[in-house]
Structures are given as structure tokens and as C-alpha cells.
All heavy atoms as atom14 arrays in JSON, in Angstrom:
{
  "sequence": "VGKLYDGSIDKLFASLAGRRDLSAGQIERLKQIAK",
  "atom14_mask": [
    [1, 1, 1, 1, 1, 1, 1, 0, 0, 0, 0, 0, 0, 0],
    [1, 1, 1, 1, 0, 0, 0, 0, 0, 0, 0, 0, 0, 0],
    [1, 1, 1, 1, 1, 1, 1, 1, 1, 0, 0, 0, 0, 0],
    [1, 1, 1, 1, 1, 1, 1, 1, 0, 0, 0, 0, 0, 0],
    [1, 1, 1, 1, 1, 1, 1, 1, 1, 1, 1, 1, 0, 0],
    [1, 1, 1, 1, 1, 1, 1, 1, 0, 0, 0, 0, 0, 0],
    [1, 1, 1, 1, 0, 0, 0, 0, 0, 0, 0, 0, 0, 0],
    [1, 1, 1, 1, 1, 1, 0, 0, 0, 0, 0, 0, 0, 0],
    [1, 1, 1, 1, 1, 1, 1, 1, 0, 0, 0, 0, 0, 0],
    [1, 1, 1, 1, 1, 1, 1, 1, 0, 0, 0, 0, 0, 0],
    [1, 1, 1, 1, 1, 1, 1, 1, 1, 0, 0, 0, 0, 0],
    [1, 1, 1, 1, 1, 1, 1, 1, 0, 0, 0, 0, 0, 0],
    [1, 1, 1, 1, 1, 1, 1, 1, 1, 1, 1, 0, 0, 0],
    [1, 1, 1, 1, 1, 0, 0, 0, 0, 0, 0, 0, 0, 0],
    [1, 1, 1, 1, 1, 1, 0, 0, 0, 0, 0, 0, 0, 0],
    [1, 1, 1, 1, 1, 1, 1, 1, 0, 0, 0, 0, 0, 0],
    [1, 1, 1, 1, 1, 0, 0, 0, 0, 0, 0, 0, 0, 0],
    [1, 1, 1, 1, 0, 0, 0, 0, 0, 0, 0, 0, 0, 0],
    [1, 1, 1, 1, 1, 1, 1, 1, 1, 1, 1, 0, 0, 0],
    [1, 1, 1, 1, 1, 1, 1, 1, 1, 1, 1, 0, 0, 0],
    [1, 1, 1, 1, 1, 1, 1, 1, 0, 0, 0, 0, 0, 0],
    [1, 1, 1, 1, 1, 1, 1, 1, 0, 0, 0, 0, 0, 0],
    [1, 1, 1, 1, 1, 1, 0, 0, 0, 0, 0, 0, 0, 0],
    [1, 1, 1, 1, 1, 0, 0, 0, 0, 0, 0, 0, 0, 0],
    [1, 1, 1, 1, 0, 0, 0, 0, 0, 0, 0, 0, 0, 0],
    [1, 1, 1, 1, 1, 1, 1, 1, 1, 0, 0, 0, 0, 0],
    [1, 1, 1, 1, 1, 1, 1, 1, 0, 0, 0, 0, 0, 0],
    [1, 1, 1, 1, 1, 1, 1, 1, 1, 0, 0, 0, 0, 0],
    [1, 1, 1, 1, 1, 1, 1, 1, 1, 1, 1, 0, 0, 0],
    [1, 1, 1, 1, 1, 1, 1, 1, 0, 0, 0, 0, 0, 0],
    [1, 1, 1, 1, 1, 1, 1, 1, 1, 0, 0, 0, 0, 0],
    [1, 1, 1, 1, 1, 1, 1, 1, 1, 0, 0, 0, 0, 0],
    [1, 1, 1, 1, 1, 1, 1, 1, 0, 0, 0, 0, 0, 0],
    [1, 1, 1, 1, 1, 0, 0, 0, 0, 0, 0, 0, 0, 0],
    [1, 1, 1, 1, 1, 1, 1, 1, 1, 0, 0, 0, 0, 0]
  ],
  "atom14_positions": [
    [[-7.21, 139.61, 128.16], [-8.57, 139.77, 128.68], [-9.6, 139.58, 127.57], [-10.6, 138.89, 127.74], [-8.74, 141.15, 129.38], [-10.21, 141.43, 129.7], [-7.91, 141.2, 130.65], [0.0, 0.0, 0.0], [0.0, 0.0, 0.0], [0.0, 0.0, 0.0], [0.0, 0.0, 0.0], [0.0, 0.0, 0.0], [0.0, 0.0, 0.0], [0.0, 0.0, 0.0]],
    [[-9.33, 140.17, 126.42], [-10.25, 140.03, 125.3], [-10.34, 138.6, 124.78], [-11.43, 138.1, 124.49], [0.0, 0.0, 0.0], [0.0, 0.0, 0.0], [0.0, 0.0, 0.0], [0.0, 0.0, 0.0], [0.0, 0.0, 0.0], [0.0, 0.0, 0.0], [0.0, 0.0, 0.0], [0.0, 0.0, 0.0], [0.0, 0.0, 0.0], [0.0, 0.0, 0.0]],
    [[-9.21, 137.95, 124.7], [-9.15, 136.61, 124.11], [-9.67, 135.52, 125.05], [-10.42, 134.64, 124.64], [-7.71, 136.3, 123.72], [-7.55, 135.04, 122.89], [-6.09, 134.66, 122.62], [-5.23, 135.78, 122.13], [-3.85, 135.37, 121.84], [0.0, 0.0, 0.0], [0.0, 0.0, 0.0], [0.0, 0.0, 0.0], [0.0, 0.0, 0.0], [0.0, 0.0, 0.0]],
    [[-9.27, 135.57, 126.32], [-9.57, 134.48, 127.23], [-10.69, 134.76, 128.23], [-11.23, 133.81, 128.81], [-8.31, 134.07, 127.99], [-7.15, 133.55, 127.15], [-5.95, 133.22, 128.03], [-7.57, 132.34, 126.34], [0.0, 0.0, 0.0], [0.0, 0.0, 0.0], [0.0, 0.0, 0.0], [0.0, 0.0, 0.0], [0.0, 0.0, 0.0], [0.0, 0.0, 0.0]],
    [[-11.01, 136.02, 128.44], [-11.98, 136.37, 129.48], [-13.14, 137.19, 128.93], [-13.77, 137.94, 129.67], [-11.29, 137.1, 130.64], [-10.29, 136.22, 131.34], [-8.94, 136.25, 131.02], [-10.7, 135.3, 132.31], [-8.03, 135.42, 131.64], [-9.8, 134.46, 132.94], [-8.46, 134.53, 132.59], [-7.55, 133.7, 133.21], [0.0, 0.0, 0.0], [0.0, 0.0, 0.0]],
    [[-13.41, 137.06, 127.63], [-14.53, 137.74, 126.98], [-14.53, 139.25, 127.23], [-15.59, 139.87, 127.35], [-15.87, 137.14, 127.44], [-15.96, 135.66, 127.18], [-15.52, 135.22, 126.1], [-16.45, 134.92, 128.07], [0.0, 0.0, 0.0], [0.0, 0.0, 0.0], [0.0, 0.0, 0.0], [0.0, 0.0, 0.0], [0.0, 0.0, 0.0], [0.0, 0.0, 0.0]],
    [[-13.35, 139.84, 127.36], [-13.24, 141.28, 127.58], [-13.57, 141.7, 129.0], [-13.68, 142.89, 129.28], [0.0, 0.0, 0.0], [0.0, 0.0, 0.0], [0.0, 0.0, 0.0], [0.0, 0.0, 0.0], [0.0, 0.0, 0.0], [0.0, 0.0, 0.0], [0.0, 0.0, 0.0], [0.0, 0.0, 0.0], [0.0, 0.0, 0.0], [0.0, 0.0, 0.0]],
    [[-13.7, 140.75, 129.9], [-14.14, 141.03, 131.26], [-12.97, 140.98, 132.25], [-12.46, 139.9, 132.56], [-15.21, 140.01, 131.68], [-15.54, 140.16, 133.02], [0.0, 0.0, 0.0], [0.0, 0.0, 0.0], [0.0, 0.0, 0.0], [0.0, 0.0, 0.0], [0.0, 0.0, 0.0], [0.0, 0.0, 0.0], [0.0, 0.0, 0.0], [0.0, 0.0, 0.0]],
    [[-12.59, 142.14, 132.75], [-11.49, 142.2, 133.72], [-11.89, 141.5, 135.02], [-11.06, 140.87, 135.68], [-11.07, 143.66, 133.98], [-10.41, 144.21, 132.71], [-10.14, 143.78, 135.17], [-10.06, 145.66, 132.75], [0.0, 0.0, 0.0], [0.0, 0.0, 0.0], [0.0, 0.0, 0.0], [0.0, 0.0, 0.0], [0.0, 0.0, 0.0], [0.0, 0.0, 0.0]],
    [[-13.18, 141.56, 135.38], [-13.59, 140.9, 136.62], [-13.43, 139.39, 136.52], [-13.11, 138.73, 137.51], [-15.01, 141.3, 137.03], [-16.06, 141.04, 135.98], [-15.75, 141.12, 134.77], [-17.21, 140.78, 136.36], [0.0, 0.0, 0.0], [0.0, 0.0, 0.0], [0.0, 0.0, 0.0], [0.0, 0.0, 0.0], [0.0, 0.0, 0.0], [0.0, 0.0, 0.0]],
    [[-13.6, 138.82, 135.33], [-13.38, 137.37, 135.16], [-11.89, 137.04, 135.33], [-11.54, 136.03, 135.93], [-13.86, 136.9, 133.79], [-15.37, 136.83, 133.67], [-15.76, 136.31, 132.3], [-17.27, 136.28, 132.15], [-17.66, 135.82, 130.79], [0.0, 0.0, 0.0], [0.0, 0.0, 0.0], [0.0, 0.0, 0.0], [0.0, 0.0, 0.0], [0.0, 0.0, 0.0]],
    [[-11.02, 137.9, 134.79], [-9.59, 137.71, 134.98], [-9.24, 137.8, 136.46], [-8.53, 136.95, 137.0], [-8.79, 138.75, 134.19], [-7.28, 138.82, 134.5], [-6.57, 137.53, 134.11], [-6.66, 140.0, 133.78], [0.0, 0.0, 0.0], [0.0, 0.0, 0.0], [0.0, 0.0, 0.0], [0.0, 0.0, 0.0], [0.0, 0.0, 0.0], [0.0, 0.0, 0.0]],
    [[-9.75, 138.81, 137.12], [-9.46, 139.0, 138.54], [-9.97, 137.81, 139.35], [-9.27, 137.31, 140.23], [-10.1, 140.3, 139.03], [-9.63, 140.73, 140.39], [-8.44, 141.44, 140.52], [-10.35, 140.43, 141.53], [-8.0, 141.83, 141.77], [-9.91, 140.81, 142.77], [-8.72, 141.52, 142.9], [0.0, 0.0, 0.0], [0.0, 0.0, 0.0], [0.0, 0.0, 0.0]],
    [[-11.18, 137.33, 139.04], [-11.73, 136.18, 139.74], [-10.85, 134.94, 139.52], [-10.63, 134.14, 140.44], [-13.15, 135.9, 139.28], [0.0, 0.0, 0.0], [0.0, 0.0, 0.0], [0.0, 0.0, 0.0], [0.0, 0.0, 0.0], [0.0, 0.0, 0.0], [0.0, 0.0, 0.0], [0.0, 0.0, 0.0], [0.0, 0.0, 0.0], [0.0, 0.0, 0.0]],
    [[-10.34, 134.8, 138.31], [-9.45, 133.68, 138.0], [-8.17, 133.76, 138.83], [-7.72, 132.76, 139.4], [-9.12, 133.67, 136.51], [-8.19, 132.67, 136.2], [0.0, 0.0, 0.0], [0.0, 0.0, 0.0], [0.0, 0.0, 0.0], [0.0, 0.0, 0.0], [0.0, 0.0, 0.0], [0.0, 0.0, 0.0], [0.0, 0.0, 0.0], [0.0, 0.0, 0.0]],
    [[-7.6, 134.96, 138.91], [-6.39, 135.14, 139.71], [-6.67, 134.92, 141.19], [-5.89, 134.28, 141.89], [-5.82, 136.54, 139.49], [-5.25, 136.83, 138.11], [-4.9, 138.31, 137.99], [-4.04, 135.96, 137.83], [0.0, 0.0, 0.0], [0.0, 0.0, 0.0], [0.0, 0.0, 0.0], [0.0, 0.0, 0.0], [0.0, 0.0, 0.0], [0.0, 0.0, 0.0]],
    [[-7.77, 135.48, 141.66], [-8.11, 135.39, 143.08], [-8.42, 133.95, 143.48], [-8.22, 133.56, 144.64], [-9.29, 136.29, 143.4], [0.0, 0.0, 0.0], [0.0, 0.0, 0.0], [0.0, 0.0, 0.0], [0.0, 0.0, 0.0], [0.0, 0.0, 0.0], [0.0, 0.0, 0.0], [0.0, 0.0, 0.0], [0.0, 0.0, 0.0], [0.0, 0.0, 0.0]],
    [[-8.9, 133.14, 142.55], [-9.27, 131.77, 142.86], [-8.12, 130.78, 142.81], [-8.29, 129.61, 143.16], [0.0, 0.0, 0.0], [0.0, 0.0, 0.0], [0.0, 0.0, 0.0], [0.0, 0.0, 0.0], [0.0, 0.0, 0.0], [0.0, 0.0, 0.0], [0.0, 0.0, 0.0], [0.0, 0.0, 0.0], [0.0, 0.0, 0.0], [0.0, 0.0, 0.0]],
    [[-6.95, 131.23, 142.43], [-5.79, 130.32, 142.37], [-5.42, 129.86, 143.76], [-5.36, 130.64, 144.69], [-4.61, 131.02, 141.72], [-4.83, 131.33, 140.25], [-3.62, 131.97, 139.67], [-2.47, 131.1, 139.88], [-1.63, 130.74, 138.93], [-1.8, 131.16, 137.72], [-0.59, 129.97, 139.2], [0.0, 0.0, 0.0], [0.0, 0.0, 0.0], [0.0, 0.0, 0.0]],
    [[-5.16, 128.61, 143.86], [-4.82, 128.03, 145.17], [-3.33, 128.17, 145.5], [-2.93, 127.99, 146.64], [-5.2, 126.56, 145.2], [-6.67, 126.35, 144.91], [-7.25, 125.35, 145.86], [-8.63, 125.05, 145.54], [-9.66, 125.7, 146.03], [-9.48, 126.69, 146.85], [-10.89, 125.37, 145.7], [0.0, 0.0, 0.0], [0.0, 0.0, 0.0], [0.0, 0.0, 0.0]],
    [[-2.51, 128.52, 144.53], [-1.07, 128.59, 144.78], [-0.58, 130.01, 145.06], [0.61, 130.27, 145.06], [-0.29, 127.99, 143.61], [-0.55, 128.68, 142.28], [-1.53, 129.44, 142.18], [0.22, 128.43, 141.34], [0.0, 0.0, 0.0], [0.0, 0.0, 0.0], [0.0, 0.0, 0.0], [0.0, 0.0, 0.0], [0.0, 0.0, 0.0], [0.0, 0.0, 0.0]],
    [[-1.51, 130.93, 145.34], [-1.12, 132.29, 145.7], [-0.64, 132.33, 147.15], [-1.22, 131.68, 148.02], [-2.3, 133.25, 145.53], [-2.78, 133.53, 144.11], [-4.01, 134.4, 144.13], [-1.69, 134.19, 143.29], [0.0, 0.0, 0.0], [0.0, 0.0, 0.0], [0.0, 0.0, 0.0], [0.0, 0.0, 0.0], [0.0, 0.0, 0.0], [0.0, 0.0, 0.0]],
    [[0.39, 133.1, 147.38], [0.88, 133.28, 148.76], [-0.06, 134.22, 149.5], [-0.86, 134.95, 148.89], [2.29, 133.86, 148.75], [2.25, 135.2, 148.29], [0.0, 0.0, 0.0], [0.0, 0.0, 0.0], [0.0, 0.0, 0.0], [0.0, 0.0, 0.0], [0.0, 0.0, 0.0], [0.0, 0.0, 0.0], [0.0, 0.0, 0.0], [0.0, 0.0, 0.0]],
    [[0.07, 134.25, 150.8], [-0.74, 135.16, 151.61], [-0.48, 136.62, 151.2], [-1.4, 137.43, 151.14], [-0.45, 134.96, 153.09], [0.0, 0.0, 0.0], [0.0, 0.0, 0.0], [0.0, 0.0, 0.0], [0.0, 0.0, 0.0], [0.0, 0.0, 0.0], [0.0, 0.0, 0.0], [0.0, 0.0, 0.0], [0.0, 0.0, 0.0], [0.0, 0.0, 0.0]],
    [[0.77, 136.92, 150.9], [1.12, 138.28, 150.48], [0.48, 138.65, 149.15], [0.03, 139.77, 148.96], [0.0, 0.0, 0.0], [0.0, 0.0, 0.0], [0.0, 0.0, 0.0], [0.0, 0.0, 0.0], [0.0, 0.0, 0.0], [0.0, 0.0, 0.0], [0.0, 0.0, 0.0], [0.0, 0.0, 0.0], [0.0, 0.0, 0.0], [0.0, 0.0, 0.0]],
    [[0.45, 137.7, 148.22], [-0.17, 137.95, 146.92], [-1.68, 138.14, 147.08], [-2.27, 139.02, 146.44], [0.11, 136.79, 145.96], [1.55, 136.74, 145.52], [1.88, 135.46, 144.77], [1.43, 134.38, 145.13], [2.69, 135.6, 143.73], [0.0, 0.0, 0.0], [0.0, 0.0, 0.0], [0.0, 0.0, 0.0], [0.0, 0.0, 0.0], [0.0, 0.0, 0.0]],
    [[-2.3, 137.34, 147.91], [-3.74, 137.49, 148.16], [-4.03, 138.85, 148.78], [-4.96, 139.55, 148.37], [-4.26, 136.35, 149.06], [-4.2, 135.02, 148.3], [-5.68, 136.64, 149.56], [-4.42, 133.79, 149.16], [0.0, 0.0, 0.0], [0.0, 0.0, 0.0], [0.0, 0.0, 0.0], [0.0, 0.0, 0.0], [0.0, 0.0, 0.0], [0.0, 0.0, 0.0]],
    [[-3.2, 139.24, 149.72], [-3.38, 140.55, 150.37], [-3.23, 141.68, 149.36], [-3.98, 142.65, 149.37], [-2.38, 140.71, 151.52], [-2.68, 141.88, 152.43], [-4.09, 141.85, 153.01], [-4.56, 140.78, 153.43], [-4.72, 142.94, 153.05], [0.0, 0.0, 0.0], [0.0, 0.0, 0.0], [0.0, 0.0, 0.0], [0.0, 0.0, 0.0], [0.0, 0.0, 0.0]],
    [[-2.27, 141.54, 148.45], [-2.06, 142.56, 147.41], [-3.27, 142.65, 146.49], [-3.69, 143.75, 146.12], [-0.78, 142.25, 146.63], [-0.49, 143.24, 145.53], [-0.15, 144.63, 146.06], [0.06, 145.53, 144.94], [-0.5, 146.73, 144.83], [-1.23, 147.22, 145.79], [-0.29, 147.46, 143.75], [0.0, 0.0, 0.0], [0.0, 0.0, 0.0], [0.0, 0.0, 0.0]],
    [[-3.85, 141.52, 146.1], [-5.06, 141.53, 145.26], [-6.21, 142.23, 145.99], [-6.96, 143.0, 145.4], [-5.45, 140.11, 144.86], [-4.59, 139.44, 143.79], [-4.98, 137.99, 143.63], [-4.68, 140.18, 142.47], [0.0, 0.0, 0.0], [0.0, 0.0, 0.0], [0.0, 0.0, 0.0], [0.0, 0.0, 0.0], [0.0, 0.0, 0.0], [0.0, 0.0, 0.0]],
    [[-6.35, 141.96, 147.28], [-7.39, 142.63, 148.06], [-7.15, 144.14, 148.1], [-8.1, 144.92, 147.98], [-7.43, 142.08, 149.5], [-7.98, 140.69, 149.62], [-7.93, 140.22, 151.07], [-8.42, 138.8, 151.21], [-8.31, 138.33, 152.61], [0.0, 0.0, 0.0], [0.0, 0.0, 0.0], [0.0, 0.0, 0.0], [0.0, 0.0, 0.0], [0.0, 0.0, 0.0]],
    [[-5.91, 144.53, 148.26], [-5.56, 145.95, 148.29], [-5.88, 146.61, 146.96], [-6.44, 147.72, 146.91], [-4.08, 146.11, 148.62], [-3.6, 147.53, 148.71], [-2.11, 147.62, 148.97], [-1.42, 146.62, 149.15], [-1.58, 148.83, 148.99], [0.0, 0.0, 0.0], [0.0, 0.0, 0.0], [0.0, 0.0, 0.0], [0.0, 0.0, 0.0], [0.0, 0.0, 0.0]],
    [[-5.57, 145.95, 145.86], [-5.86, 146.48, 144.53], [-7.37, 146.67, 144.36], [-7.84, 147.7, 143.89], [-5.29, 145.57, 143.43], [-3.77, 145.64, 143.43], [-5.83, 145.95, 142.05], [-3.09, 144.56, 142.59], [0.0, 0.0, 0.0], [0.0, 0.0, 0.0], [0.0, 0.0, 0.0], [0.0, 0.0, 0.0], [0.0, 0.0, 0.0], [0.0, 0.0, 0.0]],
    [[-8.12, 145.66, 144.77], [-9.58, 145.73, 144.65], [-10.13, 146.89, 145.5], [-11.02, 147.63, 145.06], [-10.22, 144.42, 145.09], [0.0, 0.0, 0.0], [0.0, 0.0, 0.0], [0.0, 0.0, 0.0], [0.0, 0.0, 0.0], [0.0, 0.0, 0.0], [0.0, 0.0, 0.0], [0.0, 0.0, 0.0], [0.0, 0.0, 0.0], [0.0, 0.0, 0.0]],
    [[-9.59, 147.06, 146.69], [-10.05, 148.13, 147.57], [-9.75, 149.51, 146.97], [-10.55, 150.43, 147.04], [-9.38, 147.99, 148.93], [-9.97, 148.86, 150.0], [-9.37, 148.51, 151.35], [-10.34, 148.99, 152.4], [-10.13, 148.35, 153.68], [0.0, 0.0, 0.0], [0.0, 0.0, 0.0], [0.0, 0.0, 0.0], [0.0, 0.0, 0.0], [0.0, 0.0, 0.0]]
  ]
}
């Protein structure tokens, strides 16, 4: 996070959330984590 995302966890999360190769289950899990 410090090296690639300027210390910003939200930038890391946005990067993960924006991946097109995530399964529906993985997307749902990210939403659950955010909630």
C-alpha cells in the first residue's frame, strides 16, 4: 500500500474492485468487506 498506492488503502481497494477478472463471489466478498 505504501509503495504502490501512496499509503492509500482506498486506492488499493478501488484497484481490486475495478479488476475485470474477479468472479461474482469475489466481488460479493469485497462488497461485504466494505459494508
